[in-house]
Amino acid sequence: QGHINILEMVDMVIESYGYNRVKTHQSMRTRIAVFFQQSQRYVTIGLNPFKWVKPRFIKSHPEYLQSFENDMKVLAFLYNKWFSIWIEVTKNKDRSNELARPFVFGFAPTSYFDKRNLSSWRHNFGLRCCTRAEDLIRDYHNKVLDLLIKEIPEFEPYFGARCKLLGYCPDRKSVV
């Protein structure tokens, strides 16, 4: 009840791994938090593709899984090809990932730190826990919300998708 200004005094930091850079860049777009992310300059694929971040579509349509995995092997091949070309041309192995990294941008998992005050988290939960949000974004924010509610159950009535809190969808103007 009352003012929520006090939420601005409490920070919460979440460390996560396994999200792709598409998701993390969606979060960074909001610019209402502090983010730390592993640079892809330090990610090396090697000859075998690492664990790619599979889109939900692939998980829910297993008939496309083999095709997805084959395409990821092609991306790994291209990555290693340009990695080698960079070394050959520049004689500089230390920066070889820079030329090759565009081939892994969307599917490479990354380490990620997300620091916000609780007021900012509350605002983001309102937007990003919505069923209209992109799958990866919604999944991430729902997991963070679950962690928060587990630690502070009293917050449950005040944190979550706006439509849940308001009882209607402010984007559709319909009852939830």
Protein backbone atom coordinates (compact mmCIF):
# COMPACT_ATOMS: atom_id res chain seq x y z
CA GLN A 1 0.00 0.00 0.00
CA GLY A 2 1.09 3.57 -0.56
CA HIS A 3 4.17 4.86 -2.28
CA ILE A 4 6.51 2.52 -4.14
CA ASN A 5 9.47 4.94 -4.06
CA ILE A 6 11.09 2.77 -1.40
CA LEU A 7 11.61 0.08 -4.06
CA GLU A 8 14.17 2.34 -5.71
CA MET A 9 16.42 1.89 -2.70
CA VAL A 10 16.80 -1.88 -3.11
CA ASP A 11 18.91 -3.39 -5.89
CA MET A 12 18.70 -6.95 -7.13
CA VAL A 13 21.39 -8.53 -9.28
CA ILE A 14 20.68 -11.61 -11.40
CA GLU A 15 23.40 -13.68 -13.01
CA SER A 16 22.32 -15.96 -15.80
CA TYR A 17 23.83 -18.12 -18.49
CA GLY A 18 22.38 -19.78 -21.53
CA TYR A 19 20.41 -16.92 -23.03
CA ASN A 20 21.40 -15.71 -26.47
CA ARG A 21 22.42 -12.17 -27.32
CA VAL A 22 19.10 -11.46 -29.00
CA LYS A 23 17.44 -11.79 -25.59
CA THR A 24 20.08 -9.85 -23.73
CA HIS A 25 20.00 -7.01 -26.25
CA GLN A 26 16.22 -6.82 -25.91
CA SER A 27 16.71 -6.33 -22.17
CA MET A 28 19.49 -3.78 -22.65
CA ARG A 29 17.27 -1.70 -24.89
CA THR A 30 15.32 -0.51 -21.87
CA ARG A 31 18.40 1.25 -20.43
CA ILE A 32 16.91 1.26 -16.95
CA ALA A 33 19.44 -1.11 -15.48
CA VAL A 34 23.11 -1.98 -15.32
CA PHE A 35 24.19 -4.87 -17.52
CA PHE A 36 27.39 -6.86 -17.75
CA GLN A 37 27.78 -9.40 -20.50
CA GLN A 38 30.57 -11.69 -21.62
CA SER A 39 32.21 -10.36 -24.76
CA GLN A 40 32.06 -12.67 -27.75
CA ARG A 41 35.68 -11.78 -28.37
CA TYR A 42 36.41 -14.38 -25.71
CA VAL A 43 34.06 -17.07 -27.03
CA THR A 44 35.70 -19.72 -29.17
CA ILE A 45 33.61 -22.39 -30.82
CA GLY A 46 36.36 -24.75 -31.87
CA LEU A 47 35.71 -27.60 -34.27
CA ASN A 48 32.54 -28.85 -32.59
CA PRO A 49 29.58 -26.56 -32.07
CA PHE A 50 28.89 -25.80 -28.43
CA LYS A 51 25.46 -25.96 -26.86
CA TRP A 52 23.44 -23.57 -28.99
CA VAL A 53 20.45 -21.73 -27.59
CA LYS A 54 17.51 -23.45 -29.22
CA PRO A 55 14.49 -21.26 -29.97
CA ARG A 56 11.21 -22.38 -28.42
CA PHE A 57 9.90 -23.11 -31.92
CA ILE A 58 12.55 -25.82 -32.32
CA LYS A 59 11.81 -27.28 -28.90
CA SER A 60 8.10 -27.52 -29.66
CA HIS A 61 8.59 -28.87 -33.21
CA PRO A 62 11.11 -31.72 -32.91
CA GLU A 63 10.71 -32.54 -36.60
CA TYR A 64 12.94 -29.50 -37.27
CA LEU A 65 15.59 -30.30 -34.65
CA GLN A 66 17.92 -32.18 -37.01
CA SER A 67 17.75 -29.38 -39.57
CA PHE A 68 18.51 -26.82 -36.85
CA GLU A 69 21.50 -28.82 -35.60
CA ASN A 70 22.81 -29.21 -39.15
CA ASP A 71 22.56 -25.46 -39.68
CA MET A 72 24.41 -24.82 -36.43
CA LYS A 73 27.21 -27.10 -37.70
CA VAL A 74 27.35 -24.93 -40.83
CA LEU A 75 27.62 -21.82 -38.68
CA ALA A 76 30.41 -23.47 -36.68
CA PHE A 77 32.19 -24.33 -39.93
CA LEU A 78 31.89 -20.71 -41.14
CA TYR A 79 33.05 -19.41 -37.78
CA ASN A 80 36.15 -21.60 -37.88
CA LYS A 81 36.80 -20.74 -41.54
CA TRP A 82 36.84 -17.00 -40.85
CA PHE A 83 38.69 -17.52 -37.58
CA SER A 84 41.49 -19.20 -39.59
CA ILE A 85 41.45 -16.58 -42.35
CA TRP A 86 41.81 -13.82 -39.77
CA ILE A 87 44.84 -15.50 -38.24
CA GLU A 88 46.37 -16.10 -41.67
CA VAL A 89 45.87 -12.52 -42.85
CA THR A 90 46.66 -10.64 -39.64
CA LYS A 91 49.09 -13.05 -37.99
CA ASN A 92 47.20 -12.14 -34.85
CA LYS A 93 45.51 -15.01 -33.07
CA ASP A 94 44.55 -12.86 -30.10
CA ARG A 95 41.84 -10.98 -32.01
CA SER A 96 40.71 -13.69 -34.41
CA ASN A 97 37.28 -14.04 -32.80
CA GLU A 98 36.39 -10.50 -33.88
CA LEU A 99 36.02 -11.42 -37.55
CA ALA A 100 34.26 -14.70 -36.89
CA ARG A 101 31.78 -13.72 -34.18
CA PRO A 102 28.95 -12.50 -36.48
CA PHE A 103 28.34 -16.14 -37.38
CA VAL A 104 27.33 -17.03 -33.82
CA PHE A 105 25.60 -13.86 -32.62
CA GLY A 106 22.00 -15.05 -32.42
CA PHE A 107 22.47 -18.58 -31.12
CA ALA A 108 25.53 -18.36 -28.88
CA PRO A 109 24.85 -18.60 -25.15
CA THR A 110 26.31 -15.84 -23.05
CA SER A 111 26.99 -14.98 -19.40
CA TYR A 112 24.91 -12.06 -18.28
CA PHE A 113 24.48 -9.89 -15.17
CA ASP A 114 21.37 -7.75 -14.80
CA LYS A 115 21.24 -5.20 -11.94
CA ARG A 116 18.18 -3.06 -11.31
CA ASN A 117 16.37 -1.51 -8.42
CA LEU A 118 13.09 -3.17 -7.46
CA SER A 119 11.03 -0.37 -8.96
CA SER A 120 12.72 -1.01 -12.32
CA TRP A 121 12.23 -4.78 -11.96
CA ARG A 122 8.54 -4.19 -11.14
CA HIS A 123 8.12 -2.06 -14.27
CA ASN A 124 9.88 -4.66 -16.43
CA PHE A 125 7.85 -7.54 -14.99
CA GLY A 126 4.73 -5.58 -15.93
CA LEU A 127 5.80 -5.44 -19.56
CA ARG A 128 7.95 -8.53 -20.01
CA CYS A 129 5.88 -11.16 -18.15
CA CYS A 130 2.99 -10.39 -20.49
CA THR A 131 1.91 -13.17 -22.83
CA ARG A 132 2.46 -10.71 -25.69
CA ALA A 133 6.20 -10.44 -24.89
CA GLU A 134 8.74 -12.45 -26.89
CA ASP A 135 9.18 -16.00 -25.54
CA LEU A 136 12.80 -15.68 -24.38
CA ILE A 137 12.15 -12.33 -22.72
CA ARG A 138 9.00 -13.57 -20.99
CA ASP A 139 10.67 -16.80 -19.81
CA TYR A 140 13.62 -14.90 -18.35
CA HIS A 141 11.48 -12.37 -16.51
CA ASN A 142 9.09 -15.03 -15.21
CA LYS A 143 12.08 -16.96 -13.81
CA VAL A 144 13.44 -13.83 -12.13
CA LEU A 145 9.96 -13.02 -10.78
CA ASP A 146 9.67 -16.55 -9.37
CA LEU A 147 13.03 -16.09 -7.60
CA LEU A 148 11.94 -12.77 -6.15
CA ILE A 149 8.57 -14.07 -4.94
CA LYS A 150 10.27 -17.10 -3.41
CA GLU A 151 12.53 -14.77 -1.37
CA ILE A 152 9.87 -12.15 -0.60
CA PRO A 153 6.39 -13.71 -0.92
CA GLU A 154 4.74 -10.46 0.24
CA PHE A 155 5.60 -8.92 -3.16
CA GLU A 156 3.44 -11.35 -5.12
CA PRO A 157 0.30 -9.16 -5.28
CA TYR A 158 2.37 -6.19 -6.52
CA PHE A 159 4.73 -7.76 -9.06
CA GLY A 160 3.94 -9.44 -12.38
CA ALA A 161 2.39 -8.82 -15.78
CA ARG A 162 0.37 -5.59 -15.90
CA CYS A 163 -2.72 -7.42 -17.14
CA LYS A 164 -2.58 -9.72 -14.10
CA LEU A 165 -2.20 -6.79 -11.71
CA LEU A 166 -4.82 -4.59 -13.40
CA GLY A 167 -7.34 -7.31 -14.26
CA TYR A 168 -7.39 -6.29 -17.93
CA CYS A 169 -4.88 -5.91 -20.75
CA PRO A 170 -3.96 -2.23 -21.17
CA ASP A 171 -2.75 -2.97 -24.71
CA ARG A 172 -5.96 -4.70 -25.85
CA LYS A 173 -8.42 -3.02 -23.49
CA SER A 174 -10.00 -6.40 -22.80
CA VAL A 175 -10.71 -8.29 -19.59
CA VAL A 176 -8.08 -10.90 -18.70
